[in-house]
Amino acid sequence: MSENEKKHLFDILNSIREIQEYTTGIFAIEDYLKNRLVMRAVERMLGIIGEATNRLEKESDTPLLSNARKITGLRNRVIHAYDHVDNQIIWEIIQERLPELKQEIEEILKNEL
């Protein structure tokens, strides 16, 4: 794995950690929706995750992440269709998908280091 590929994986991992930090103590979507600052910060980090995933896929000879297309698609939606972002989907991603992605990346990096 190249240094650039590792950098992109660490960028994704750090963004996931930031999202988890931002949403600490937020246990329901209603509370998430009340905090627009957190919502915007999460959306920014999702954009970074998507962009890093896109770059990773372009630079890698073999696909590294199992849901790369979905991640990049979410990035495009958050960035380009910002007025049509479904906050219920974002909340589900925070709760369910990001922990899975974090674990996947940690496994990849563990095998490379």
Protein backbone atom coordinates (compact mmCIF):
# COMPACT_ATOMS: atom_id res chain seq x y z
CA MET A 1 0.00 0.00 0.00
CA SER A 2 1.35 3.40 -0.96
CA GLU A 3 1.87 6.26 1.46
CA ASN A 4 -0.89 8.22 -0.32
CA GLU A 5 -3.33 5.35 0.17
CA LYS A 6 -2.45 5.21 3.87
CA LYS A 7 -2.91 8.98 4.12
CA HIS A 8 -6.41 8.74 2.64
CA LEU A 9 -7.32 5.93 5.04
CA PHE A 10 -6.08 7.99 7.99
CA ASP A 11 -8.04 11.00 6.73
CA ILE A 12 -11.20 8.88 6.66
CA LEU A 13 -10.47 7.41 10.09
CA ASN A 14 -9.80 10.83 11.62
CA SER A 15 -13.00 12.23 10.13
CA ILE A 16 -15.00 9.34 11.59
CA ARG A 17 -13.43 10.01 14.99
CA GLU A 18 -14.34 13.68 14.72
CA ILE A 19 -17.96 12.83 13.88
CA GLN A 20 -18.08 10.50 16.87
CA GLU A 21 -16.67 13.28 19.05
CA TYR A 22 -19.17 15.84 17.74
CA THR A 23 -22.10 13.52 18.38
CA THR A 24 -21.05 12.34 21.84
CA GLY A 25 -24.06 12.73 24.12
CA ILE A 26 -26.52 12.94 21.23
CA PHE A 27 -28.64 9.81 21.45
CA ALA A 28 -31.68 10.67 19.32
CA ILE A 29 -32.19 12.18 15.91
CA GLU A 30 -34.38 14.88 17.47
CA ASP A 31 -31.41 16.12 19.49
CA TYR A 32 -29.18 15.92 16.43
CA LEU A 33 -31.65 18.02 14.43
CA LYS A 34 -31.73 20.69 17.15
CA ASN A 35 -27.98 21.25 16.90
CA ARG A 36 -27.33 22.79 13.49
CA LEU A 37 -23.67 23.39 14.28
CA VAL A 38 -23.13 19.67 14.85
CA MET A 39 -25.16 18.84 11.74
CA ARG A 40 -22.98 21.07 9.57
CA ALA A 41 -19.77 19.75 11.12
CA VAL A 42 -20.90 16.17 10.47
CA GLU A 43 -21.77 17.01 6.88
CA ARG A 44 -18.32 18.56 6.41
CA MET A 45 -16.61 15.44 7.74
CA LEU A 46 -18.80 13.21 5.55
CA GLY A 47 -17.65 15.31 2.60
CA ILE A 48 -14.02 14.71 3.57
CA ILE A 49 -14.66 10.99 4.01
CA GLY A 50 -16.22 10.84 0.56
CA GLU A 51 -13.46 12.82 -1.11
CA ALA A 52 -10.72 10.75 0.56
CA THR A 53 -12.54 7.58 -0.52
CA ASN A 54 -12.79 8.85 -4.08
CA ARG A 55 -9.05 9.64 -4.17
CA LEU A 56 -8.23 6.29 -2.58
CA GLU A 57 -10.20 4.41 -5.21
CA LYS A 58 -8.54 6.34 -8.04
CA GLU A 59 -5.04 5.71 -6.72
CA SER A 60 -5.42 2.10 -5.62
CA ASP A 61 -4.86 -0.86 -7.92
CA THR A 62 -7.42 -2.91 -5.98
CA PRO A 63 -10.59 -1.75 -4.23
CA LEU A 64 -9.90 -1.32 -0.53
CA LEU A 65 -13.27 -0.30 0.91
CA SER A 66 -16.38 -2.42 0.51
CA ASN A 67 -18.82 0.50 0.12
CA ALA A 68 -16.65 2.99 -1.74
CA ARG A 69 -19.29 3.89 -4.34
CA LYS A 70 -21.94 4.54 -1.68
CA ILE A 71 -19.50 6.66 0.33
CA THR A 72 -18.59 8.74 -2.70
CA GLY A 73 -22.27 9.03 -3.64
CA LEU A 74 -23.07 10.37 -0.18
CA ARG A 75 -20.28 12.91 -0.54
CA ASN A 76 -21.75 14.09 -3.83
CA ARG A 77 -25.19 14.42 -2.28
CA VAL A 78 -23.93 16.36 0.75
CA ILE A 79 -21.82 18.68 -1.39
CA HIS A 80 -23.90 19.14 -4.54
CA ALA A 81 -27.45 18.42 -3.41
CA TYR A 82 -27.09 20.03 0.01
CA ASP A 83 -30.72 21.13 -0.06
CA HIS A 84 -31.94 17.54 -0.45
CA VAL A 85 -29.94 15.85 2.32
CA ASP A 86 -32.09 13.39 4.26
CA ASN A 87 -31.13 13.86 7.91
CA GLN A 88 -32.66 10.52 8.83
CA ILE A 89 -30.20 8.81 6.49
CA ILE A 90 -27.31 10.87 7.87
CA TRP A 91 -28.30 9.87 11.41
CA GLU A 92 -28.43 6.18 10.42
CA ILE A 93 -25.00 6.50 8.83
CA ILE A 94 -23.60 8.03 12.03
CA GLN A 95 -25.14 5.31 14.17
CA GLU A 96 -24.64 2.22 12.00
CA ARG A 97 -22.35 2.68 9.02
CA LEU A 98 -19.51 4.78 10.42
CA PRO A 99 -18.62 2.27 13.15
CA GLU A 100 -18.50 -0.45 10.48
CA LEU A 101 -16.31 1.70 8.21
CA LYS A 102 -14.05 2.59 11.12
CA GLN A 103 -13.55 -1.08 11.93
CA GLU A 104 -12.89 -1.92 8.27
CA ILE A 105 -10.20 0.77 8.01
CA GLU A 106 -8.60 -0.18 11.31
CA GLU A 107 -8.30 -3.76 10.04
CA ILE A 108 -6.75 -2.64 6.75
CA LEU A 109 -4.24 -0.41 8.54
CA LYS A 110 -3.45 -3.07 11.13
CA ASN A 111 -2.51 -5.45 8.35
CA GLU A 112 -0.31 -2.83 6.69
CA LEU A 113 1.62 -1.56 9.70
